[in-house]
Amino acid sequence: MIPAIGYRLWYADLYDGLTRLRLQSLLAETLWPFRDRLEASCERRLAARAHWRLRQLGVPRHAAPALDCSCGAHAYHELEAMILQVQRLGHFRPLGDRRILVGGAVLSWGRLVIHPEGFRAQYARPLALCLVDPVAPAGAAEQVDQVAAAYAVPAVDVRYLVAHAREFGTSYKPEPSPSPLRQQLKRLSGLIKGQP
């Protein structure tokens, strides 16, 4: 299988002693390794109540990504979907939050669970990073450059992110499935024209 390319967001905070220069996932708070792949795992420990219930039900731990779970390294199929997420997130920043919102392209492989908007992968690695933060503090572009250097990937303008990513793989965005109504209309029009 050809590796899948996707687009995603991270936080970066150069002033945090723990996460300095590291990309941090928005929801799971996973810190992405420098110059290496991220291997996804199911992070049930983040939801203690759910974990307790799953233990009671006897649900076994599983490899990520799993069909019936939300685990895996998430990415969007298209840059536009990532930009929409930026617009949803970008209007609010808690007082004192020094993190910047970093966008980028990722190369993903291994097990993939493909969804209409994006996918979840077993392995992922950043390909390029860009500044997408609409309320970024002064000096944020230089911070993205430093983070990109730490990951040994280029910092590019968001306008060139897709072109750069396509050098490494392809998108696995599924074709939209026709609606049942559209299928019935197509069949009926074939019957009217005398075709089975």
N, C-alpha and C. Protein backbone atom coordinates (compact mmCIF):
# COMPACT_ATOMS: atom_id res chain seq x y z
N MET A 1 0.84 -1.18 0.00
CA MET A 1 0.00 0.00 0.00
C MET A 1 0.89 1.24 0.00
N ILE A 2 0.54 2.20 -0.84
CA ILE A 2 1.26 3.47 -0.89
C ILE A 2 0.93 4.24 0.39
N PRO A 3 1.91 4.87 1.01
CA PRO A 3 1.61 5.64 2.22
C PRO A 3 0.58 6.73 1.94
N ALA A 4 -0.22 7.03 2.94
CA ALA A 4 -1.25 8.06 2.81
C ALA A 4 -0.70 9.38 3.32
N ILE A 5 -1.04 10.45 2.62
CA ILE A 5 -0.71 11.78 3.13
C ILE A 5 -1.97 12.40 3.71
N GLY A 6 -1.79 13.19 4.72
CA GLY A 6 -2.91 13.88 5.35
C GLY A 6 -2.43 15.18 5.96
N TYR A 7 -3.38 15.90 6.52
CA TYR A 7 -3.10 17.23 7.08
C TYR A 7 -3.68 17.30 8.48
N ARG A 8 -2.93 17.88 9.39
CA ARG A 8 -3.37 17.91 10.78
C ARG A 8 -2.80 19.13 11.50
N LEU A 9 -3.26 19.29 12.74
CA LEU A 9 -2.81 20.39 13.59
C LEU A 9 -2.15 19.86 14.85
N TRP A 10 -1.26 20.67 15.37
CA TRP A 10 -0.62 20.40 16.65
C TRP A 10 -0.52 21.72 17.41
N TYR A 11 -0.20 21.61 18.68
CA TYR A 11 0.25 22.76 19.45
C TYR A 11 1.76 22.66 19.60
N ALA A 12 2.41 23.81 19.72
CA ALA A 12 3.83 23.86 20.05
C ALA A 12 4.02 25.00 21.05
N ASP A 13 4.83 24.77 22.06
CA ASP A 13 5.11 25.78 23.08
C ASP A 13 6.60 25.73 23.38
N LEU A 14 7.32 26.69 22.83
CA LEU A 14 8.76 26.72 23.01
C LEU A 14 9.18 27.08 24.42
N TYR A 15 8.25 27.59 25.22
CA TYR A 15 8.60 28.06 26.56
C TYR A 15 8.28 27.05 27.65
N ASP A 16 7.66 25.95 27.28
CA ASP A 16 7.31 24.90 28.25
C ASP A 16 8.51 23.97 28.36
N GLY A 17 9.03 23.80 29.56
CA GLY A 17 10.21 22.96 29.77
C GLY A 17 10.01 21.51 29.38
N LEU A 18 8.80 20.99 29.51
CA LEU A 18 8.52 19.59 29.19
C LEU A 18 8.35 19.37 27.69
N THR A 19 7.61 20.25 27.04
CA THR A 19 7.26 20.02 25.63
C THR A 19 8.12 20.79 24.65
N ARG A 20 9.06 21.56 25.11
CA ARG A 20 9.85 22.46 24.27
C ARG A 20 10.16 21.88 22.90
N LEU A 21 9.76 22.60 21.88
CA LEU A 21 9.96 22.26 20.46
C LEU A 21 9.19 21.02 20.00
N ARG A 22 8.47 20.36 20.88
CA ARG A 22 7.76 19.13 20.48
C ARG A 22 6.36 19.44 20.03
N LEU A 23 5.93 18.74 19.00
CA LEU A 23 4.55 18.84 18.53
C LEU A 23 3.66 18.06 19.49
N GLN A 24 2.54 18.67 19.85
CA GLN A 24 1.61 18.04 20.79
C GLN A 24 0.24 17.95 20.14
N SER A 25 -0.32 16.75 20.12
CA SER A 25 -1.66 16.55 19.56
C SER A 25 -2.66 17.41 20.32
N LEU A 26 -3.68 17.87 19.62
CA LEU A 26 -4.65 18.78 20.22
C LEU A 26 -5.48 18.14 21.31
N LEU A 27 -5.97 16.93 21.08
CA LEU A 27 -6.89 16.31 22.03
C LEU A 27 -6.21 15.33 22.97
N ALA A 28 -5.46 14.40 22.44
CA ALA A 28 -4.85 13.36 23.27
C ALA A 28 -3.60 13.86 23.99
N GLU A 29 -3.10 15.02 23.61
CA GLU A 29 -1.90 15.61 24.20
C GLU A 29 -0.66 14.74 23.99
N THR A 30 -0.70 13.90 22.99
CA THR A 30 0.45 13.07 22.66
C THR A 30 1.59 13.95 22.17
N LEU A 31 2.80 13.70 22.66
CA LEU A 31 3.98 14.40 22.17
C LEU A 31 4.61 13.58 21.06
N TRP A 32 4.75 14.18 19.90
CA TRP A 32 5.29 13.47 18.74
C TRP A 32 6.81 13.41 18.84
N PRO A 33 7.41 12.24 18.55
CA PRO A 33 8.86 12.10 18.66
C PRO A 33 9.60 12.88 17.57
N PHE A 34 10.78 13.39 17.92
CA PHE A 34 11.62 14.07 16.95
C PHE A 34 12.18 13.08 15.94
N ARG A 35 12.20 13.46 14.68
CA ARG A 35 12.89 12.72 13.61
C ARG A 35 12.58 11.23 13.59
N ASP A 36 11.39 10.88 13.98
CA ASP A 36 10.99 9.47 14.04
C ASP A 36 9.49 9.39 13.81
N ARG A 37 9.01 8.20 13.66
CA ARG A 37 7.57 8.00 13.47
C ARG A 37 6.87 8.01 14.82
N LEU A 38 5.60 8.35 14.78
CA LEU A 38 4.73 8.17 15.93
C LEU A 38 4.03 6.84 15.74
N GLU A 39 4.08 5.98 16.72
CA GLU A 39 3.31 4.74 16.67
C GLU A 39 2.09 4.94 17.56
N ALA A 40 0.92 4.90 16.95
CA ALA A 40 -0.32 5.15 17.68
C ALA A 40 -0.62 4.02 18.65
N SER A 41 -1.24 4.38 19.75
CA SER A 41 -1.71 3.39 20.71
C SER A 41 -3.04 3.87 21.24
N CYS A 42 -3.81 2.96 21.79
CA CYS A 42 -5.10 3.33 22.36
C CYS A 42 -4.84 3.94 23.72
N GLU A 43 -5.22 5.17 23.90
CA GLU A 43 -4.94 5.90 25.13
C GLU A 43 -6.14 5.88 26.07
N ARG A 44 -6.57 4.72 26.46
CA ARG A 44 -7.73 4.63 27.36
C ARG A 44 -7.46 5.26 28.71
N ARG A 45 -6.21 5.40 29.07
CA ARG A 45 -5.90 5.97 30.38
C ARG A 45 -6.36 7.42 30.49
N LEU A 46 -6.60 8.06 29.34
CA LEU A 46 -7.06 9.45 29.38
C LEU A 46 -8.52 9.57 29.80
N ALA A 47 -9.25 8.47 29.72
CA ALA A 47 -10.66 8.48 30.13
C ALA A 47 -10.85 7.39 31.17
N ALA A 48 -10.54 7.71 32.41
CA ALA A 48 -10.53 6.70 33.48
C ALA A 48 -11.87 6.01 33.65
N ARG A 49 -12.96 6.75 33.57
CA ARG A 49 -14.27 6.12 33.74
C ARG A 49 -14.54 5.12 32.64
N ALA A 50 -14.28 5.52 31.40
CA ALA A 50 -14.51 4.60 30.28
C ALA A 50 -13.63 3.37 30.43
N HIS A 51 -12.39 3.57 30.87
CA HIS A 51 -11.47 2.45 31.04
C HIS A 51 -12.02 1.47 32.08
N TRP A 52 -12.54 1.98 33.19
CA TRP A 52 -13.11 1.12 34.22
C TRP A 52 -14.28 0.33 33.66
N ARG A 53 -15.15 0.99 32.91
CA ARG A 53 -16.30 0.29 32.33
C ARG A 53 -15.85 -0.76 31.33
N LEU A 54 -14.88 -0.43 30.52
CA LEU A 54 -14.39 -1.39 29.53
C LEU A 54 -13.78 -2.60 30.22
N ARG A 55 -13.06 -2.37 31.32
CA ARG A 55 -12.49 -3.51 32.06
C ARG A 55 -13.60 -4.39 32.60
N GLN A 56 -14.67 -3.76 33.11
CA GLN A 56 -15.80 -4.53 33.65
C GLN A 56 -16.48 -5.35 32.57
N LEU A 57 -16.52 -4.81 31.35
CA LEU A 57 -17.16 -5.52 30.24
C LEU A 57 -16.24 -6.57 29.63
N GLY A 58 -14.99 -6.55 30.02
CA GLY A 58 -14.05 -7.52 29.48
C GLY A 58 -13.57 -7.19 28.08
N VAL A 59 -13.63 -5.92 27.69
CA VAL A 59 -13.16 -5.51 26.37
C VAL A 59 -11.63 -5.51 26.39
N PRO A 60 -10.99 -6.28 25.52
CA PRO A 60 -9.53 -6.36 25.55
C PRO A 60 -8.88 -5.09 24.98
N ARG A 61 -7.66 -4.86 25.42
CA ARG A 61 -6.87 -3.78 24.80
C ARG A 61 -6.65 -4.17 23.35
N HIS A 62 -6.44 -3.19 22.51
CA HIS A 62 -6.31 -3.48 21.09
C HIS A 62 -5.23 -2.61 20.45
N ALA A 63 -4.82 -3.04 19.28
CA ALA A 63 -3.85 -2.27 18.50
C ALA A 63 -4.57 -1.10 17.84
N ALA A 64 -3.88 0.01 17.73
CA ALA A 64 -4.46 1.20 17.09
C ALA A 64 -4.06 1.24 15.62
N PRO A 65 -4.95 1.71 14.79
CA PRO A 65 -6.32 2.14 15.05
C PRO A 65 -7.28 0.95 14.97
N ALA A 66 -8.35 1.03 15.72
CA ALA A 66 -9.38 0.00 15.70
C ALA A 66 -10.66 0.61 15.13
N LEU A 67 -11.43 -0.21 14.43
CA LEU A 67 -12.65 0.28 13.80
C LEU A 67 -13.64 0.86 14.80
N ASP A 68 -13.77 0.22 15.96
CA ASP A 68 -14.78 0.62 16.93
C ASP A 68 -14.22 1.52 18.04
N CYS A 69 -13.15 2.23 17.74
CA CYS A 69 -12.52 3.12 18.71
C CYS A 69 -12.10 4.39 17.96
N SER A 70 -11.70 5.40 18.69
CA SER A 70 -11.24 6.63 18.04
C SER A 70 -9.72 6.75 18.06
N CYS A 71 -9.03 5.67 18.42
CA CYS A 71 -7.58 5.72 18.53
C CYS A 71 -6.91 5.76 17.16
N GLY A 72 -5.66 6.17 17.16
CA GLY A 72 -4.87 6.25 15.95
C GLY A 72 -4.35 7.66 15.75
N ALA A 73 -3.42 7.81 14.82
CA ALA A 73 -2.89 9.12 14.46
C ALA A 73 -3.84 9.73 13.44
N HIS A 74 -4.55 10.76 13.84
CA HIS A 74 -5.59 11.37 13.01
C HIS A 74 -5.01 12.33 11.99
N ALA A 75 -5.64 12.39 10.81
CA ALA A 75 -5.30 13.38 9.80
C ALA A 75 -6.50 13.57 8.87
N TYR A 76 -6.59 14.76 8.31
CA TYR A 76 -7.62 15.05 7.32
C TYR A 76 -7.11 14.65 5.94
N HIS A 77 -8.04 14.32 5.03
CA HIS A 77 -7.67 14.03 3.65
C HIS A 77 -7.22 15.30 2.93
N GLU A 78 -7.88 16.41 3.24
CA GLU A 78 -7.65 17.65 2.48
C GLU A 78 -7.22 18.80 3.39
N LEU A 79 -6.41 19.66 2.84
CA LEU A 79 -5.93 20.84 3.55
C LEU A 79 -7.10 21.73 3.98
N GLU A 80 -8.12 21.83 3.14
CA GLU A 80 -9.27 22.70 3.45
C GLU A 80 -9.95 22.28 4.76
N ALA A 81 -10.03 20.99 5.02
CA ALA A 81 -10.64 20.52 6.27
C ALA A 81 -9.79 20.93 7.47
N MET A 82 -8.47 20.90 7.32
CA MET A 82 -7.59 21.34 8.39
C MET A 82 -7.79 22.83 8.64
N ILE A 83 -7.90 23.61 7.58
CA ILE A 83 -8.09 25.06 7.71
C ILE A 83 -9.42 25.36 8.40
N LEU A 84 -10.46 24.58 8.11
CA LEU A 84 -11.74 24.77 8.80
C LEU A 84 -11.59 24.53 10.30
N GLN A 85 -10.79 23.54 10.67
CA GLN A 85 -10.56 23.29 12.09
C GLN A 85 -9.81 24.47 12.71
N VAL A 86 -8.88 25.05 11.98
CA VAL A 86 -8.16 26.24 12.47
C VAL A 86 -9.16 27.35 12.75
N GLN A 87 -10.09 27.55 11.84
CA GLN A 87 -11.08 28.62 12.02
C GLN A 87 -11.96 28.36 13.24
N ARG A 88 -12.28 27.11 13.50
CA ARG A 88 -13.08 26.78 14.68
C ARG A 88 -12.29 27.00 15.97
N LEU A 89 -11.00 26.70 15.94
CA LEU A 89 -10.17 26.80 17.15
C LEU A 89 -9.58 28.18 17.36
N GLY A 90 -9.38 28.91 16.28
CA GLY A 90 -8.55 30.11 16.32
C GLY A 90 -9.14 31.34 16.94
N HIS A 91 -10.40 31.34 17.30
CA HIS A 91 -11.01 32.55 17.82
C HIS A 91 -10.91 32.67 19.33
N PHE A 92 -10.34 31.68 19.99
CA PHE A 92 -10.27 31.71 21.45
C PHE A 92 -8.90 31.25 21.91
N ARG A 93 -8.30 32.02 22.77
CA ARG A 93 -7.03 31.63 23.38
C ARG A 93 -7.09 32.03 24.84
N PRO A 94 -6.99 31.05 25.74
CA PRO A 94 -7.02 31.40 27.17
C PRO A 94 -5.89 32.36 27.53
N LEU A 95 -6.14 33.21 28.48
CA LEU A 95 -5.15 34.18 28.93
C LEU A 95 -3.89 33.45 29.39
N GLY A 96 -2.76 33.88 28.89
CA GLY A 96 -1.50 33.28 29.29
C GLY A 96 -1.10 32.06 28.49
N ASP A 97 -1.93 31.64 27.54
CA ASP A 97 -1.60 30.47 26.72
C ASP A 97 -0.58 30.89 25.66
N ARG A 98 0.63 30.36 25.76
CA ARG A 98 1.71 30.73 24.84
C ARG A 98 1.84 29.76 23.68
N ARG A 99 1.02 28.72 23.67
CA ARG A 99 1.13 27.74 22.61
C ARG A 99 0.75 28.37 21.27
N ILE A 100 1.37 27.87 20.22
CA ILE A 100 0.97 28.29 18.88
C ILE A 100 0.36 27.08 18.18
N LEU A 101 -0.53 27.37 17.27
CA LEU A 101 -1.19 26.34 16.48
C LEU A 101 -0.36 26.12 15.22
N VAL A 102 0.12 24.90 15.04
CA VAL A 102 0.98 24.55 13.91
C VAL A 102 0.23 23.57 13.03
N GLY A 103 0.22 23.83 11.73
CA GLY A 103 -0.37 22.90 10.78
C GLY A 103 0.73 22.14 10.08
N GLY A 104 0.34 21.07 9.42
CA GLY A 104 1.34 20.33 8.68
C GLY A 104 0.78 19.17 7.91
N ALA A 105 1.65 18.62 7.10
CA ALA A 105 1.34 17.41 6.34
C ALA A 105 2.03 16.25 7.03
N VAL A 106 1.35 15.09 7.02
CA VAL A 106 1.93 13.89 7.61
C VAL A 106 1.93 12.76 6.59
N LEU A 107 2.89 11.90 6.72
CA LEU A 107 2.96 10.66 5.97
C LEU A 107 2.52 9.57 6.93
N SER A 108 1.52 8.79 6.51
CA SER A 108 0.95 7.76 7.39
C SER A 108 0.98 6.41 6.71
N TRP A 109 1.17 5.36 7.50
CA TRP A 109 1.22 4.01 6.95
C TRP A 109 0.86 3.00 8.02
N GLY A 110 0.94 1.73 7.66
CA GLY A 110 0.52 0.67 8.57
C GLY A 110 -0.98 0.46 8.43
N ARG A 111 -1.63 0.09 9.53
CA ARG A 111 -3.10 -0.05 9.49
C ARG A 111 -3.73 1.33 9.36
N LEU A 112 -4.70 1.45 8.46
CA LEU A 112 -5.43 2.70 8.28
C LEU A 112 -6.92 2.44 8.42
N VAL A 113 -7.60 3.32 9.12
CA VAL A 113 -9.06 3.32 9.16
C VAL A 113 -9.46 4.61 8.46
N ILE A 114 -10.12 4.46 7.32
CA ILE A 114 -10.44 5.60 6.47
C ILE A 114 -11.87 6.05 6.72
N HIS A 115 -12.02 7.37 6.90
CA HIS A 115 -13.32 8.00 7.14
C HIS A 115 -13.58 9.01 6.02
N PRO A 116 -14.79 9.52 5.89
CA PRO A 116 -15.07 10.51 4.84
C PRO A 116 -14.20 11.77 4.92
N GLU A 117 -13.94 12.28 6.13
CA GLU A 117 -13.17 13.52 6.28
C GLU A 117 -11.67 13.29 6.43
N GLY A 118 -11.29 12.09 6.87
CA GLY A 118 -9.88 11.84 7.12
C GLY A 118 -9.64 10.39 7.44
N PHE A 119 -8.55 10.13 8.15
CA PHE A 119 -8.21 8.75 8.49
C PHE A 119 -7.49 8.72 9.82
N ARG A 120 -7.37 7.50 10.34
CA ARG A 120 -6.57 7.23 11.54
C ARG A 120 -5.55 6.18 11.14
N ALA A 121 -4.32 6.39 11.54
CA ALA A 121 -3.24 5.51 11.09
C ALA A 121 -2.47 4.91 12.26
N GLN A 122 -1.81 3.79 11.96
CA GLN A 122 -0.94 3.14 12.94
C GLN A 122 0.35 3.94 13.13
N TYR A 123 0.93 4.41 12.03
CA TYR A 123 2.17 5.17 12.07
C TYR A 123 2.00 6.48 11.32
N ALA A 124 2.68 7.51 11.79
CA ALA A 124 2.65 8.80 11.10
C ALA A 124 3.93 9.56 11.42
N ARG A 125 4.31 10.40 10.47
CA ARG A 125 5.50 11.23 10.65
C ARG A 125 5.26 12.56 9.94
N PRO A 126 5.62 13.69 10.55
CA PRO A 126 5.45 14.97 9.86
C PRO A 126 6.32 15.05 8.60
N LEU A 127 5.76 15.66 7.56
CA LEU A 127 6.49 15.89 6.31
C LEU A 127 6.91 17.34 6.17
N ALA A 128 6.06 18.25 6.62
CA ALA A 128 6.31 19.69 6.54
C ALA A 128 5.40 20.37 7.54
N LEU A 129 5.83 21.52 8.03
CA LEU A 129 5.04 22.29 8.99
C LEU A 129 4.79 23.69 8.46
N CYS A 130 3.71 24.31 8.95
CA CYS A 130 3.40 25.67 8.55
C CYS A 130 2.68 26.39 9.69
N LEU A 131 2.78 27.70 9.69
CA LEU A 131 2.08 28.50 10.68
C LEU A 131 0.65 28.72 10.20
N VAL A 132 -0.31 28.33 11.00
CA VAL A 132 -1.72 28.51 10.64
C VAL A 132 -2.49 29.24 11.73
N ASP A 133 -1.82 29.66 12.77
CA ASP A 133 -2.47 30.26 13.94
C ASP A 133 -2.92 31.68 13.62
N PRO A 134 -4.25 31.94 13.59
CA PRO A 134 -4.73 33.27 13.24
C PRO A 134 -4.47 34.33 14.31
N VAL A 135 -4.19 33.92 15.52
CA VAL A 135 -3.90 34.87 16.60
C VAL A 135 -2.51 34.59 17.18
N ALA A 136 -1.60 34.22 16.31
CA ALA A 136 -0.25 33.87 16.75
C ALA A 136 0.47 35.10 17.30
N PRO A 137 1.23 34.90 18.36
CA PRO A 137 2.00 36.02 18.91
C PRO A 137 3.16 36.39 17.98
N ALA A 138 3.72 37.55 18.21
CA ALA A 138 4.89 37.98 17.44
C ALA A 138 5.99 36.93 17.56
N GLY A 139 6.66 36.66 16.49
CA GLY A 139 7.75 35.68 16.51
C GLY A 139 7.30 34.25 16.29
N ALA A 140 6.01 34.04 16.02
CA ALA A 140 5.51 32.67 15.86
C ALA A 140 6.10 31.98 14.63
N ALA A 141 6.32 32.73 13.56
CA ALA A 141 6.90 32.12 12.35
C ALA A 141 8.29 31.57 12.65
N GLU A 142 9.06 32.29 13.43
CA GLU A 142 10.39 31.82 13.81
C GLU A 142 10.29 30.59 14.71
N GLN A 143 9.27 30.54 15.55
CA GLN A 143 9.06 29.36 16.39
C GLN A 143 8.75 28.13 15.54
N VAL A 144 7.90 28.31 14.52
CA VAL A 144 7.59 27.19 13.62
C VAL A 144 8.86 26.73 12.91
N ASP A 145 9.71 27.67 12.51
CA ASP A 145 10.99 27.31 11.88
C ASP A 145 11.84 26.46 12.83
N GLN A 146 11.88 26.82 14.10
CA GLN A 146 12.66 26.05 15.08
C GLN A 146 12.09 24.65 15.29
N VAL A 147 10.77 24.56 15.37
CA VAL A 147 10.13 23.25 15.54
C VAL A 147 10.39 22.39 14.31
N ALA A 148 10.25 22.97 13.13
CA ALA A 148 10.50 22.22 11.89
C ALA A 148 11.94 21.71 11.85
N ALA A 149 12.88 22.54 12.26
CA ALA A 149 14.29 22.11 12.27
C ALA A 149 14.49 20.96 13.24
N ALA A 150 13.82 20.99 14.39
CA ALA A 150 13.94 19.90 15.36
C ALA A 150 13.40 18.58 14.81
N TYR A 151 12.41 18.66 13.91
CA TYR A 151 11.84 17.46 13.29
C TYR A 151 12.48 17.14 11.95
N ALA A 152 13.45 17.94 11.54
CA ALA A 152 14.16 17.74 10.26
C ALA A 152 13.20 17.74 9.08
N VAL A 153 12.22 18.66 9.11
CA VAL A 153 11.28 18.83 8.01
C VAL A 153 11.26 20.31 7.66
N PRO A 154 10.83 20.65 6.44
CA PRO A 154 10.78 22.06 6.08
C PRO A 154 9.59 22.78 6.71
N ALA A 155 9.78 24.06 6.95
CA ALA A 155 8.67 24.95 7.30
C ALA A 155 8.29 25.63 6.00
N VAL A 156 7.05 25.44 5.57
CA VAL A 156 6.61 25.99 4.28
C VAL A 156 5.41 26.89 4.49
N ASP A 157 5.16 27.72 3.50
CA ASP A 157 3.93 28.51 3.50
C ASP A 157 2.77 27.56 3.29
N VAL A 158 1.66 27.80 3.95
CA VAL A 158 0.51 26.90 3.85
C VAL A 158 0.06 26.72 2.40
N ARG A 159 0.31 27.71 1.54
CA ARG A 159 -0.08 27.60 0.12
C ARG A 159 0.69 26.50 -0.61
N TYR A 160 1.85 26.11 -0.10
CA TYR A 160 2.67 25.11 -0.77
C TYR A 160 2.67 23.75 -0.06
N LEU A 161 1.88 23.63 0.97
CA LEU A 161 1.88 22.40 1.77
C LEU A 161 1.41 21.19 0.97
N VAL A 162 0.35 21.34 0.19
CA VAL A 162 -0.19 20.21 -0.59
C VAL A 162 0.83 19.76 -1.63
N ALA A 163 1.43 20.69 -2.34
CA ALA A 163 2.41 20.33 -3.36
C ALA A 163 3.58 19.57 -2.74
N HIS A 164 4.04 20.02 -1.59
CA HIS A 164 5.14 19.33 -0.92
C HIS A 164 4.72 17.92 -0.50
N ALA A 165 3.54 17.80 0.09
CA ALA A 165 3.08 16.50 0.59
C ALA A 165 2.89 15.49 -0.53
N ARG A 166 2.42 15.92 -1.67
CA ARG A 166 2.14 15.00 -2.78
C ARG A 166 3.41 14.35 -3.35
N GLU A 167 4.56 14.86 -2.99
CA GLU A 167 5.80 14.23 -3.42
C GLU A 167 6.04 12.91 -2.69
N PHE A 168 5.30 12.67 -1.60
CA PHE A 168 5.55 11.52 -0.75
C PHE A 168 4.47 10.45 -0.75
N GLY A 169 3.29 10.76 -1.26
CA GLY A 169 2.19 9.79 -1.21
C GLY A 169 0.94 10.35 -1.83
N THR A 170 -0.17 9.73 -1.49
CA THR A 170 -1.45 10.13 -2.06
C THR A 170 -2.50 10.16 -0.96
N SER A 171 -3.62 10.79 -1.26
CA SER A 171 -4.74 10.82 -0.32
C SER A 171 -5.63 9.63 -0.59
N TYR A 172 -6.21 9.08 0.45
CA TYR A 172 -7.13 7.94 0.30
C TYR A 172 -8.56 8.37 0.55
N LYS A 173 -8.90 9.59 0.16
CA LYS A 173 -10.27 10.07 0.37
C LYS A 173 -11.22 9.20 -0.44
N PRO A 174 -12.20 8.59 0.23
CA PRO A 174 -13.13 7.73 -0.50
C PRO A 174 -14.07 8.53 -1.38
N GLU A 175 -14.46 7.93 -2.50
CA GLU A 175 -15.47 8.55 -3.36
C GLU A 175 -16.77 8.59 -2.58
N PRO A 176 -17.52 9.68 -2.71
CA PRO A 176 -18.80 9.71 -2.00
C PRO A 176 -19.73 8.62 -2.53
N SER A 177 -20.33 7.90 -1.63
CA SER A 177 -21.23 6.83 -2.06
C SER A 177 -22.56 7.46 -2.46
N PRO A 178 -23.15 6.97 -3.55
CA PRO A 178 -24.42 7.54 -3.98
C PRO A 178 -25.51 7.24 -2.96
N SER A 179 -26.39 8.19 -2.80
CA SER A 179 -27.48 8.01 -1.84
C SER A 179 -28.44 6.95 -2.35
N PRO A 180 -29.16 6.27 -1.45
CA PRO A 180 -30.13 5.26 -1.88
C PRO A 180 -31.17 5.85 -2.83
N LEU A 181 -31.58 7.09 -2.60
CA LEU A 181 -32.56 7.72 -3.47
C LEU A 181 -32.00 7.90 -4.88
N ARG A 182 -30.74 8.34 -4.95
CA ARG A 182 -30.10 8.53 -6.26
C ARG A 182 -29.97 7.19 -6.99
N GLN A 183 -29.64 6.12 -6.25
CA GLN A 183 -29.55 4.80 -6.88
C GLN A 183 -30.90 4.35 -7.41
N GLN A 184 -31.98 4.60 -6.66
CA GLN A 184 -33.32 4.23 -7.13
C GLN A 184 -33.69 5.03 -8.37
N LEU A 185 -33.39 6.32 -8.38
CA LEU A 185 -33.70 7.14 -9.55
C LEU A 185 -32.93 6.67 -10.78
N LYS A 186 -31.68 6.30 -10.60
CA LYS A 186 -30.87 5.80 -11.71
C LYS A 186 -31.47 4.50 -12.25
N ARG A 187 -31.87 3.61 -11.34
CA ARG A 187 -32.47 2.35 -11.76
C ARG A 187 -33.80 2.59 -12.48
N LEU A 188 -34.62 3.49 -11.95
CA LEU A 188 -35.90 3.80 -12.59
C LEU A 188 -35.72 4.43 -13.96
N SER A 189 -34.73 5.31 -14.09
CA SER A 189 -34.50 5.93 -15.40
C SER A 189 -34.03 4.89 -16.40
N GLY A 190 -33.28 3.89 -15.94
CA GLY A 190 -32.87 2.79 -16.82
C GLY A 190 -34.05 1.96 -17.25
N LEU A 191 -35.01 1.72 -16.34
CA LEU A 191 -36.21 0.95 -16.68
C LEU A 191 -37.07 1.71 -17.68
N ILE A 192 -37.16 3.03 -17.50
CA ILE A 192 -37.95 3.84 -18.42
C ILE A 192 -37.34 3.81 -19.81
N LYS A 193 -36.02 3.80 -19.89
CA LYS A 193 -35.33 3.76 -21.19
C LYS A 193 -35.28 2.35 -21.75
N GLY A 194 -35.85 1.40 -21.04
CA GLY A 194 -35.88 0.02 -21.52
C GLY A 194 -34.64 -0.79 -21.19
N GLN A 195 -33.83 -0.31 -20.26
CA GLN A 195 -32.63 -1.04 -19.84
C GLN A 195 -32.91 -1.72 -18.51
N PRO A 196 -32.43 -2.93 -18.32
CA PRO A 196 -32.67 -3.63 -17.05
C PRO A 196 -31.96 -2.99 -15.89
